[in-house]
Amino acid sequence: MSFLKDLTASPSYNPNRVLDAIIAKLDLKNDAALSRALEVAPPVISKIRHNTLPIGATILIRMHEISDYSIRELRDLMTH
């Protein structure tokens, strides 16, 4: 998925938008609840939020599975 590499290099890339959108859609309380929903350790969400870890293919697919956002919608949330 080279588009993810291109996406994270974009100056408009902002992972917080997608994280916040999923939290809102699932009516979660915080990042800890999101990490449980995504079945990842809380530091993974923190690293994504602080732009030290890009959203990779595996977590993108998991975001799609739990939120019902399409991959395109998730991708658009990251850059708009």
PDB file of N, CA and C in Angstrom:
ATOM      1  N   MET A   1       0.839  -1.187   0.000  1.00  0.00           N
ATOM      2  CA  MET A   1       0.000   0.000   0.000  1.00  0.00           C
ATOM      3  C   MET A   1       0.880   1.244   0.000  1.00  0.00           C
ATOM      4  N   SER A   2       1.440   1.531  -1.131  1.00  0.00           N
ATOM      5  CA  SER A   2       2.322   2.688  -1.225  1.00  0.00           C
ATOM      6  C   SER A   2       1.565   3.994  -1.036  1.00  0.00           C
ATOM      7  N   PHE A   3       0.233   3.981  -1.265  1.00  0.00           N
ATOM      8  CA  PHE A   3      -0.518   5.225  -1.069  1.00  0.00           C
ATOM      9  C   PHE A   3      -0.448   5.676   0.380  1.00  0.00           C
ATOM     10  N   LEU A   4      -0.304   4.739   1.333  1.00  0.00           N
ATOM     11  CA  LEU A   4      -0.176   5.131   2.739  1.00  0.00           C
ATOM     12  C   LEU A   4       1.131   5.871   2.974  1.00  0.00           C
ATOM     13  N   LYS A   5       2.196   5.406   2.345  1.00  0.00           N
ATOM     14  CA  LYS A   5       3.487   6.081   2.478  1.00  0.00           C
ATOM     15  C   LYS A   5       3.401   7.492   1.906  1.00  0.00           C
ATOM     16  N   ASP A   6       2.784   7.624   0.736  1.00  0.00           N
ATOM     17  CA  ASP A   6       2.607   8.940   0.117  1.00  0.00           C
ATOM     18  C   ASP A   6       1.718   9.830   0.985  1.00  0.00           C
ATOM     19  N   LEU A   7       0.688   9.224   1.552  1.00  0.00           N
ATOM     20  CA  LEU A   7      -0.278   9.956   2.364  1.00  0.00           C
ATOM     21  C   LEU A   7       0.378  10.540   3.613  1.00  0.00           C
ATOM     22  N   THR A   8       1.163   9.731   4.315  1.00  0.00           N
ATOM     23  CA  THR A   8       1.771  10.199   5.556  1.00  0.00           C
ATOM     24  C   THR A   8       2.867  11.232   5.306  1.00  0.00           C
ATOM     25  N   ALA A   9       3.393  11.259   4.093  1.00  0.00           N
ATOM     26  CA  ALA A   9       4.409  12.260   3.746  1.00  0.00           C
ATOM     27  C   ALA A   9       3.770  13.588   3.337  1.00  0.00           C
ATOM     28  N   SER A  10       2.473  13.579   3.099  1.00  0.00           N
ATOM     29  CA  SER A  10       1.765  14.778   2.662  1.00  0.00           C
ATOM     30  C   SER A  10       1.731  15.826   3.779  1.00  0.00           C
ATOM     31  N   PRO A  11       1.905  17.104   3.429  1.00  0.00           N
ATOM     32  CA  PRO A  11       1.834  18.149   4.462  1.00  0.00           C
ATOM     33  C   PRO A  11       0.445  18.272   5.089  1.00  0.00           C
ATOM     34  N   SER A  12      -0.581  17.781   4.394  1.00  0.00           N
ATOM     35  CA  SER A  12      -1.940  17.872   4.943  1.00  0.00           C
ATOM     36  C   SER A  12      -2.308  16.668   5.811  1.00  0.00           C
ATOM     37  N   TYR A  13      -1.386  15.694   5.946  1.00  0.00           N
ATOM     38  CA  TYR A  13      -1.653  14.494   6.751  1.00  0.00           C
ATOM     39  C   TYR A  13      -1.855  14.865   8.213  1.00  0.00           C
ATOM     40  N   ASN A  14      -2.997  14.472   8.757  1.00  0.00           N
ATOM     41  CA  ASN A  14      -3.287  14.713  10.169  1.00  0.00           C
ATOM     42  C   ASN A  14      -4.056  13.508  10.712  1.00  0.00           C
ATOM     43  N   PRO A  15      -3.363  12.611  11.407  1.00  0.00           N
ATOM     44  CA  PRO A  15      -4.021  11.404  11.912  1.00  0.00           C
ATOM     45  C   PRO A  15      -5.058  11.694  12.987  1.00  0.00           C
ATOM     46  N   ASN A  16      -4.971  12.849  13.633  1.00  0.00           N
ATOM     47  CA  ASN A  16      -5.925  13.162  14.701  1.00  0.00           C
ATOM     48  C   ASN A  16      -7.359  13.222  14.186  1.00  0.00           C
ATOM     49  N   ARG A  17      -7.533  13.686  12.968  1.00  0.00           N
ATOM     50  CA  ARG A  17      -8.899  13.775  12.409  1.00  0.00           C
ATOM     51  C   ARG A  17      -9.547  12.410  12.329  1.00  0.00           C
ATOM     52  N   VAL A  18      -8.815  11.418  11.865  1.00  0.00           N
ATOM     53  CA  VAL A  18      -9.401  10.079  11.732  1.00  0.00           C
ATOM     54  C   VAL A  18      -9.626   9.452  13.109  1.00  0.00           C
ATOM     55  N   LEU A  19      -8.700   9.643  14.016  1.00  0.00           N
ATOM     56  CA  LEU A  19      -8.871   9.095  15.371  1.00  0.00           C
ATOM     57  C   LEU A  19     -10.092   9.727  16.046  1.00  0.00           C
ATOM     58  N   ASP A  20     -10.202  11.041  15.947  1.00  0.00           N
ATOM     59  CA  ASP A  20     -11.335  11.746  16.560  1.00  0.00           C
ATOM     60  C   ASP A  20     -12.661  11.346  15.918  1.00  0.00           C
ATOM     61  N   ALA A  21     -12.660  11.140  14.597  1.00  0.00           N
ATOM     62  CA  ALA A  21     -13.887  10.746  13.900  1.00  0.00           C
ATOM     63  C   ALA A  21     -14.363   9.372  14.355  1.00  0.00           C
ATOM     64  N   ILE A  22     -13.433   8.454  14.537  1.00  0.00           N
ATOM     65  CA  ILE A  22     -13.811   7.106  14.989  1.00  0.00           C
ATOM     66  C   ILE A  22     -14.301   7.155  16.431  1.00  0.00           C
ATOM     67  N   ILE A  23     -13.625   7.920  17.273  1.00  0.00           N
ATOM     68  CA  ILE A  23     -14.075   8.074  18.664  1.00  0.00           C
ATOM     69  C   ILE A  23     -15.500   8.613  18.689  1.00  0.00           C
ATOM     70  N   ALA A  24     -15.775   9.623  17.876  1.00  0.00           N
ATOM     71  CA  ALA A  24     -17.112  10.218  17.842  1.00  0.00           C
ATOM     72  C   ALA A  24     -18.142   9.229  17.299  1.00  0.00           C
ATOM     73  N   LYS A  25     -17.800   8.562  16.202  1.00  0.00           N
ATOM     74  CA  LYS A  25     -18.754   7.642  15.570  1.00  0.00           C
ATOM     75  C   LYS A  25     -19.122   6.490  16.496  1.00  0.00           C
ATOM     76  N   LEU A  26     -18.145   5.983  17.239  1.00  0.00           N
ATOM     77  CA  LEU A  26     -18.396   4.845  18.125  1.00  0.00           C
ATOM     78  C   LEU A  26     -18.804   5.286  19.527  1.00  0.00           C
ATOM     79  N   ASP A  27     -18.887   6.601  19.742  1.00  0.00           N
ATOM     80  CA  ASP A  27     -19.249   7.168  21.039  1.00  0.00           C
ATOM     81  C   ASP A  27     -18.329   6.647  22.153  1.00  0.00           C
ATOM     82  N   LEU A  28     -17.024   6.697  21.845  1.00  0.00           N
ATOM     83  CA  LEU A  28     -16.023   6.266  22.819  1.00  0.00           C
ATOM     84  C   LEU A  28     -15.637   7.443  23.700  1.00  0.00           C
ATOM     85  N   LYS A  29     -15.112   7.120  24.867  1.00  0.00           N
ATOM     86  CA  LYS A  29     -14.799   8.154  25.844  1.00  0.00           C
ATOM     87  C   LYS A  29     -13.457   8.848  25.570  1.00  0.00           C
ATOM     88  N   ASN A  30     -12.476   8.067  25.114  1.00  0.00           N
ATOM     89  CA  ASN A  30     -11.124   8.617  24.980  1.00  0.00           C
ATOM     90  C   ASN A  30     -10.235   7.686  24.147  1.00  0.00           C
ATOM     91  N   ASP A  31      -8.952   8.027  24.068  1.00  0.00           N
ATOM     92  CA  ASP A  31      -8.001   7.229  23.298  1.00  0.00           C
ATOM     93  C   ASP A  31      -7.824   5.823  23.881  1.00  0.00           C
ATOM     94  N   ALA A  32      -7.937   5.685  25.196  1.00  0.00           N
ATOM     95  CA  ALA A  32      -7.805   4.358  25.807  1.00  0.00           C
ATOM     96  C   ALA A  32      -8.936   3.447  25.324  1.00  0.00           C
ATOM     97  N   ALA A  33     -10.150   3.991  25.262  1.00  0.00           N
ATOM     98  CA  ALA A  33     -11.287   3.214  24.761  1.00  0.00           C
ATOM     99  C   ALA A  33     -11.090   2.880  23.282  1.00  0.00           C
ATOM    100  N   LEU A  34     -10.520   3.813  22.524  1.00  0.00           N
ATOM    101  CA  LEU A  34     -10.231   3.563  21.116  1.00  0.00           C
ATOM    102  C   LEU A  34      -9.204   2.450  20.969  1.00  0.00           C
ATOM    103  N   SER A  35      -8.171   2.471  21.791  1.00  0.00           N
ATOM    104  CA  SER A  35      -7.148   1.427  21.702  1.00  0.00           C
ATOM    105  C   SER A  35      -7.759   0.053  21.986  1.00  0.00           C
ATOM    106  N   ARG A  36      -8.694  -0.012  22.929  1.00  0.00           N
ATOM    107  CA  ARG A  36      -9.368  -1.292  23.203  1.00  0.00           C
ATOM    108  C   ARG A  36     -10.219  -1.719  22.016  1.00  0.00           C
ATOM    109  N   ALA A  37     -10.932  -0.780  21.420  1.00  0.00           N
ATOM    110  CA  ALA A  37     -11.774  -1.097  20.260  1.00  0.00           C
ATOM    111  C   ALA A  37     -10.936  -1.581  19.073  1.00  0.00           C
ATOM    112  N   LEU A  38      -9.771  -0.968  18.895  1.00  0.00           N
ATOM    113  CA  LEU A  38      -8.887  -1.344  17.794  1.00  0.00           C
ATOM    114  C   LEU A  38      -8.011  -2.545  18.139  1.00  0.00           C
ATOM    115  N   GLU A  39      -8.021  -2.941  19.409  1.00  0.00           N
ATOM    116  CA  GLU A  39      -7.209  -4.057  19.900  1.00  0.00           C
ATOM    117  C   GLU A  39      -5.713  -3.795  19.697  1.00  0.00           C
ATOM    118  N   VAL A  40      -5.304  -2.580  20.058  1.00  0.00           N
ATOM    119  CA  VAL A  40      -3.886  -2.212  20.054  1.00  0.00           C
ATOM    120  C   VAL A  40      -3.542  -1.625  21.414  1.00  0.00           C
ATOM    121  N   ALA A  41      -2.271  -1.613  21.741  1.00  0.00           N
ATOM    122  CA  ALA A  41      -1.831  -1.041  23.010  1.00  0.00           C
ATOM    123  C   ALA A  41      -2.029   0.477  22.993  1.00  0.00           C
ATOM    124  N   PRO A  42      -2.380   1.073  24.136  1.00  0.00           N
ATOM    125  CA  PRO A  42      -2.582   2.523  24.186  1.00  0.00           C
ATOM    126  C   PRO A  42      -1.420   3.352  23.623  1.00  0.00           C
ATOM    127  N   PRO A  43      -0.158   2.943  23.830  1.00  0.00           N
ATOM    128  CA  PRO A  43       0.924   3.749  23.247  1.00  0.00           C
ATOM    129  C   PRO A  43       0.881   3.840  21.715  1.00  0.00           C
ATOM    130  N   VAL A  44       0.270   2.868  21.060  1.00  0.00           N
ATOM    131  CA  VAL A  44       0.156   2.920  19.598  1.00  0.00           C
ATOM    132  C   VAL A  44      -0.705   4.113  19.200  1.00  0.00           C
ATOM    133  N   ILE A  45      -1.824   4.300  19.883  1.00  0.00           N
ATOM    134  CA  ILE A  45      -2.700   5.441  19.587  1.00  0.00           C
ATOM    135  C   ILE A  45      -1.962   6.747  19.879  1.00  0.00           C
ATOM    136  N   SER A  46      -1.249   6.784  20.994  1.00  0.00           N
ATOM    137  CA  SER A  46      -0.493   7.983  21.355  1.00  0.00           C
ATOM    138  C   SER A  46       0.556   8.317  20.285  1.00  0.00           C
ATOM    139  N   LYS A  47       1.265   7.304  19.812  1.00  0.00           N
ATOM    140  CA  LYS A  47       2.296   7.537  18.794  1.00  0.00           C
ATOM    141  C   LYS A  47       1.674   7.998  17.480  1.00  0.00           C
ATOM    142  N   ILE A  48       0.517   7.433  17.113  1.00  0.00           N
ATOM    143  CA  ILE A  48      -0.169   7.882  15.906  1.00  0.00           C
ATOM    144  C   ILE A  48      -0.612   9.325  16.081  1.00  0.00           C
ATOM    145  N   ARG A  49      -1.194   9.620  17.233  1.00  0.00           N
ATOM    146  CA  ARG A  49      -1.714  10.971  17.493  1.00  0.00           C
ATOM    147  C   ARG A  49      -0.592  12.014  17.485  1.00  0.00           C
ATOM    148  N   HIS A  50       0.596  11.634  17.950  1.00  0.00           N
ATOM    149  CA  HIS A  50       1.720  12.577  17.996  1.00  0.00           C
ATOM    150  C   HIS A  50       2.598  12.508  16.744  1.00  0.00           C
ATOM    151  N   ASN A  51       2.090  11.809  15.744  1.00  0.00           N
ATOM    152  CA  ASN A  51       2.743  11.740  14.434  1.00  0.00           C
ATOM    153  C   ASN A  51       4.130  11.105  14.475  1.00  0.00           C
ATOM    154  N   THR A  52       4.349  10.195  15.418  1.00  0.00           N
ATOM    155  CA  THR A  52       5.621   9.474  15.442  1.00  0.00           C
ATOM    156  C   THR A  52       5.470   8.070  14.871  1.00  0.00           C
ATOM    157  N   LEU A  53       4.232   7.644  14.652  1.00  0.00           N
ATOM    158  CA  LEU A  53       3.950   6.352  14.038  1.00  0.00           C
ATOM    159  C   LEU A  53       2.851   6.569  12.999  1.00  0.00           C
ATOM    160  N   PRO A  54       3.126   6.230  11.746  1.00  0.00           N
ATOM    161  CA  PRO A  54       2.084   6.414  10.729  1.00  0.00           C
ATOM    162  C   PRO A  54       0.987   5.364  10.879  1.00  0.00           C
ATOM    163  N   ILE A  55      -0.179   5.669  10.362  1.00  0.00           N
ATOM    164  CA  ILE A  55      -1.258   4.686  10.324  1.00  0.00           C
ATOM    165  C   ILE A  55      -0.918   3.698   9.224  1.00  0.00           C
ATOM    166  N   GLY A  56      -0.635   2.478   9.622  1.00  0.00           N
ATOM    167  CA  GLY A  56      -0.272   1.442   8.660  1.00  0.00           C
ATOM    168  C   GLY A  56      -1.488   0.702   8.134  1.00  0.00           C
ATOM    169  N   ALA A  57      -1.242  -0.192   7.200  1.00  0.00           N
ATOM    170  CA  ALA A  57      -2.321  -0.934   6.541  1.00  0.00           C
ATOM    171  C   ALA A  57      -3.146  -1.752   7.532  1.00  0.00           C
ATOM    172  N   THR A  58      -2.495  -2.416   8.464  1.00  0.00           N
ATOM    173  CA  THR A  58      -3.211  -3.278   9.407  1.00  0.00           C
ATOM    174  C   THR A  58      -4.173  -2.480  10.268  1.00  0.00           C
ATOM    175  N   ILE A  59      -3.710  -1.376  10.814  1.00  0.00           N
ATOM    176  CA  ILE A  59      -4.585  -0.574  11.675  1.00  0.00           C
ATOM    177  C   ILE A  59      -5.650   0.135  10.846  1.00  0.00           C
ATOM    178  N   LEU A  60      -5.323   0.502   9.615  1.00  0.00           N
ATOM    179  CA  LEU A  60      -6.318   1.121   8.734  1.00  0.00           C
ATOM    180  C   LEU A  60      -7.469   0.142   8.478  1.00  0.00           C
ATOM    181  N   ILE A  61      -7.139  -1.101   8.204  1.00  0.00           N
ATOM    182  CA  ILE A  61      -8.177  -2.115   7.983  1.00  0.00           C
ATOM    183  C   ILE A  61      -8.997  -2.324   9.247  1.00  0.00           C
ATOM    184  N   ARG A  62      -8.341  -2.352  10.391  1.00  0.00           N
ATOM    185  CA  ARG A  62      -9.066  -2.512  11.657  1.00  0.00           C
ATOM    186  C   ARG A  62      -9.990  -1.316  11.896  1.00  0.00           C
ATOM    187  N   MET A  63      -9.526  -0.110  11.574  1.00  0.00           N
ATOM    188  CA  MET A  63     -10.379   1.080  11.701  1.00  0.00           C
ATOM    189  C   MET A  63     -11.625   0.929  10.834  1.00  0.00           C
ATOM    190  N   HIS A  64     -11.430   0.440   9.624  1.00  0.00           N
ATOM    191  CA  HIS A  64     -12.546   0.204   8.708  1.00  0.00           C
ATOM    192  C   HIS A  64     -13.521  -0.811   9.306  1.00  0.00           C
ATOM    193  N   GLU A  65     -12.995  -1.897   9.845  1.00  0.00           N
ATOM    194  CA  GLU A  65     -13.845  -2.958  10.396  1.00  0.00           C
ATOM    195  C   GLU A  65     -14.712  -2.475  11.554  1.00  0.00           C
ATOM    196  N   ILE A  66     -14.151  -1.688  12.440  1.00  0.00           N
ATOM    197  CA  ILE A  66     -14.920  -1.296  13.626  1.00  0.00           C
ATOM    198  C   ILE A  66     -15.814  -0.084  13.395  1.00  0.00           C
ATOM    199  N   SER A  67     -15.469   0.738  12.404  1.00  0.00           N
ATOM    200  CA  SER A  67     -16.206   1.992  12.216  1.00  0.00           C
ATOM    201  C   SER A  67     -17.186   1.981  11.052  1.00  0.00           C
ATOM    202  N   ASP A  68     -17.011   1.045  10.140  1.00  0.00           N
ATOM    203  CA  ASP A  68     -17.788   1.019   8.896  1.00  0.00           C
ATOM    204  C   ASP A  68     -17.492   2.198   7.977  1.00  0.00           C
ATOM    205  N   TYR A  69     -16.461   2.988   8.287  1.00  0.00           N
ATOM    206  CA  TYR A  69     -15.981   3.971   7.319  1.00  0.00           C
ATOM    207  C   TYR A  69     -15.291   3.183   6.207  1.00  0.00           C
ATOM    208  N   SER A  70     -15.451   3.614   4.977  1.00  0.00           N
ATOM    209  CA  SER A  70     -14.711   2.966   3.891  1.00  0.00           C
ATOM    210  C   SER A  70     -13.236   3.362   4.002  1.00  0.00           C
ATOM    211  N   ILE A  71     -12.390   2.603   3.342  1.00  0.00           N
ATOM    212  CA  ILE A  71     -10.963   2.944   3.331  1.00  0.00           C
ATOM    213  C   ILE A  71     -10.780   4.339   2.732  1.00  0.00           C
ATOM    214  N   ARG A  72     -11.522   4.647   1.686  1.00  0.00           N
ATOM    215  CA  ARG A  72     -11.444   5.978   1.069  1.00  0.00           C
ATOM    216  C   ARG A  72     -11.832   7.065   2.071  1.00  0.00           C
ATOM    217  N   GLU A  73     -12.929   6.838   2.829  1.00  0.00           N
ATOM    218  CA  GLU A  73     -13.354   7.829   3.823  1.00  0.00           C
ATOM    219  C   GLU A  73     -12.283   8.021   4.892  1.00  0.00           C
ATOM    220  N   LEU A  74     -11.686   6.933   5.355  1.00  0.00           N
ATOM    221  CA  LEU A  74     -10.622   7.035   6.357  1.00  0.00           C
ATOM    222  C   LEU A  74      -9.437   7.806   5.789  1.00  0.00           C
ATOM    223  N   ARG A  75      -9.103   7.491   4.570  1.00  0.00           N
ATOM    224  CA  ARG A  75      -7.982   8.178   3.911  1.00  0.00           C
ATOM    225  C   ARG A  75      -8.270   9.674   3.775  1.00  0.00           C
ATOM    226  N   ASP A  76      -9.500   9.992   3.366  1.00  0.00           N
ATOM    227  CA  ASP A  76      -9.881  11.400   3.238  1.00  0.00           C
ATOM    228  C   ASP A  76      -9.850  12.128   4.586  1.00  0.00           C
ATOM    229  N   LEU A  77     -10.274  11.440   5.636  1.00  0.00           N
ATOM    230  CA  LEU A  77     -10.233  12.047   6.976  1.00  0.00           C
ATOM    231  C   LEU A  77      -8.809  12.395   7.393  1.00  0.00           C
ATOM    232  N   MET A  78      -7.845  11.599   6.944  1.00  0.00           N
ATOM    233  CA  MET A  78      -6.454  11.834   7.320  1.00  0.00           C
ATOM    234  C   MET A  78      -5.865  13.060   6.646  1.00  0.00           C
ATOM    235  N   THR A  79      -6.459  13.478   5.532  1.00  0.00           N
ATOM    236  CA  THR A  79      -5.818  14.535   4.754  1.00  0.00           C
ATOM    237  C   THR A  79      -6.680  15.770   4.530  1.00  0.00           C
ATOM    238  N   HIS A  80      -7.863  15.809   5.066  1.00  0.00           N
ATOM    239  CA  HIS A  80      -8.710  16.989   4.838  1.00  0.00           C
ATOM    240  C   HIS A  80      -9.108  17.642   6.130  1.00  0.00           C
TER     241      HIS A  80
END
